[in-house]
Protein backbone atom coordinates (compact mmCIF):
# COMPACT_ATOMS: atom_id res chain seq x y z
CA MET A 1 -7.77 56.56 -196.16
CA GLN A 2 -10.27 56.79 -199.01
CA LEU A 3 -9.53 54.63 -202.05
CA THR A 4 -10.39 56.02 -205.45
CA GLY A 5 -10.37 54.50 -208.89
CA THR A 6 -10.51 50.87 -209.91
CA ILE A 7 -8.98 48.36 -207.54
CA THR A 8 -7.56 45.61 -209.72
CA ASP A 9 -6.19 42.26 -208.56
CA GLU A 10 -2.72 43.64 -209.28
CA VAL A 11 -3.31 46.65 -207.00
CA LEU A 12 -4.63 44.38 -204.24
CA VAL A 13 -1.68 41.97 -204.54
CA THR A 14 0.77 44.87 -204.49
CA ALA A 15 -0.83 46.29 -201.33
CA ALA A 16 -0.68 42.87 -199.66
CA GLU A 17 2.97 42.44 -200.65
CA GLU A 18 3.77 45.85 -199.13
CA VAL A 19 2.19 44.77 -195.83
CA VAL A 20 4.14 41.49 -195.85
CA ALA A 21 7.44 43.28 -196.60
CA ILE A 22 6.89 45.89 -193.89
CA ARG A 23 5.95 43.26 -191.29
CA GLN A 24 9.12 41.31 -192.16
CA ARG A 25 11.20 44.47 -191.73
CA GLN A 26 9.45 45.17 -188.42
CA ASP A 27 10.45 41.72 -187.17
CA GLN A 28 14.04 42.26 -188.32
CA ILE A 29 14.19 45.70 -186.72
CA ALA A 30 12.71 44.34 -183.47
CA ASP A 31 15.47 41.69 -183.38
CA ILE A 32 18.17 44.27 -184.08
CA ALA A 33 16.72 46.64 -181.46
CA LYS A 34 16.67 43.86 -178.84
CA GLN A 35 20.31 43.04 -179.57
CA ALA A 36 21.27 46.72 -179.29
CA GLU A 37 19.32 47.10 -176.05
CA ASP A 38 20.88 43.97 -174.55
CA ASN A 39 24.32 45.30 -175.53
CA LEU A 40 23.60 48.70 -173.96
CA LYS A 41 22.30 47.07 -170.74
CA ALA A 42 25.44 44.94 -170.48
CA LEU A 43 27.77 47.89 -171.13
CA ALA A 44 25.89 50.11 -168.67
CA ALA A 45 25.95 47.38 -166.01
CA GLU A 46 29.70 46.98 -166.45
CA ARG A 47 30.22 50.75 -166.06
CA LYS A 48 27.50 50.97 -163.36
CA ALA A 49 25.86 53.69 -165.46
CA GLU A 50 22.21 54.52 -164.82
CA SER A 51 21.87 57.14 -167.55
CA ILE A 52 23.72 58.01 -170.70
CA THR A 53 23.52 61.31 -172.57
CA THR A 54 23.95 60.95 -176.32
CA THR A 55 25.83 63.47 -178.46
CA ASP A 56 22.53 65.15 -179.44
CA GLY A 57 21.52 65.55 -175.78
CA THR A 58 19.06 62.65 -175.58
CA VAL A 59 19.16 61.03 -172.15
CA VAL A 60 18.83 57.24 -172.09
CA THR A 61 18.01 55.89 -168.64
CA ILE A 62 18.63 52.29 -167.61
CA VAL A 63 15.81 51.25 -165.30
CA THR A 64 16.35 48.36 -162.93
CA ALA A 65 13.13 47.27 -161.25
CA GLU A 66 11.02 44.31 -160.23
CA ARG A 67 7.59 43.35 -161.47
CA ARG A 68 5.35 42.24 -158.67
CA ASN A 69 3.60 38.92 -159.14
CA PHE A 70 0.97 37.95 -156.63
CA ASP A 71 -0.18 34.51 -155.53
CA ALA A 72 -3.95 35.02 -155.35
CA LYS A 73 -4.57 31.95 -153.17
CA ILE A 74 -2.06 33.06 -150.55
CA MET A 75 -3.28 36.67 -150.73
CA ALA A 76 -6.88 35.54 -150.18
CA ASP A 77 -5.78 33.86 -146.94
CA LEU A 78 -3.85 36.92 -145.73
CA VAL A 79 -6.38 39.73 -146.17
CA PRO A 80 -10.09 40.19 -145.40
CA ALA A 81 -12.47 39.08 -148.17
CA SER A 82 -13.59 42.67 -148.83
CA THR A 83 -9.98 43.78 -149.32
CA PHE A 84 -9.28 40.80 -151.58
CA ALA A 85 -12.36 41.65 -153.67
CA MET A 86 -11.10 45.25 -154.00
CA MET A 87 -7.68 44.06 -155.24
CA THR A 88 -8.81 41.46 -157.75
CA VAL A 89 -10.54 41.39 -161.12
CA VAL A 90 -12.65 38.53 -162.38
CA LYS A 91 -12.31 38.19 -166.13
CA VAL A 92 -13.14 35.51 -168.67
CA SER A 93 -10.27 34.40 -170.90
CA ALA A 94 -11.40 33.97 -174.52
CA THR A 95 -8.87 31.16 -175.02
CA LYS A 96 -10.05 29.26 -171.95
CA TYR A 97 -13.68 29.90 -172.87
CA ASP A 98 -13.07 28.43 -176.34
CA ALA A 99 -11.49 25.37 -174.70
CA ALA A 100 -14.57 24.93 -172.48
CA VAL A 101 -16.80 25.15 -175.58
CA GLU A 102 -14.63 22.57 -177.36
CA LEU A 103 -14.99 20.23 -174.38
CA GLY A 104 -18.78 20.67 -174.47
CA LEU A 105 -18.89 22.27 -171.01
CA VAL A 106 -20.75 25.34 -172.26
CA THR A 107 -22.31 26.64 -175.48
CA ASP A 108 -22.43 30.14 -176.93
CA LYS A 109 -26.21 29.97 -176.78
CA GLU A 110 -26.21 29.23 -173.02
CA VAL A 111 -24.11 32.27 -172.22
CA ALA A 112 -25.09 34.62 -175.07
CA ALA A 113 -26.11 37.34 -172.61
CA ALA A 114 -22.54 37.46 -171.26
CA ILE A 115 -20.83 37.74 -174.66
CA ASN A 116 -20.26 41.25 -176.01
CA PRO A 117 -18.48 40.97 -179.38
CA THR A 118 -16.23 43.78 -180.56
CA PRO A 119 -15.91 43.83 -184.36
CA TYR A 120 -12.43 44.24 -185.82
CA VAL A 121 -10.54 43.74 -189.04
CA ALA A 122 -7.10 42.10 -188.89
CA ILE A 123 -4.47 41.08 -191.40
CA LYS A 124 -2.98 37.62 -190.98
CA ILE A 125 -0.02 36.52 -193.04
CA ASN A 126 0.52 32.83 -193.77
CA GLY A 127 3.15 31.11 -195.86
CA GLY A 128 5.21 32.74 -198.56
CA ASN A 129 8.98 33.06 -198.73
């Protein structure tokens, strides 16, 4: 979106207030949606319904599944090392890295070659009503 004209403090404050209001509504809607979904899941479970067709023809499917969680230490003992290497990903956690820096275990300078920053712009909302 290209902005044109003079951007006054009033325009900037108004834009920020719009973002705050929309984020608050998003949170409210997310809570309402979760309540509605929990209600639908309970009703469907009671009726043993796996899919529901709404009056406009939309089909809502209730999916019952399991997420698989793996114990890497046990898996490493059960499969050959080459298979384990194929199934795993080594990744640095930014949060854990920051903790290591805070503890003085490593510095940004020491590992600069391994850090690939990705620029971004975010909006953080603090305080208010």
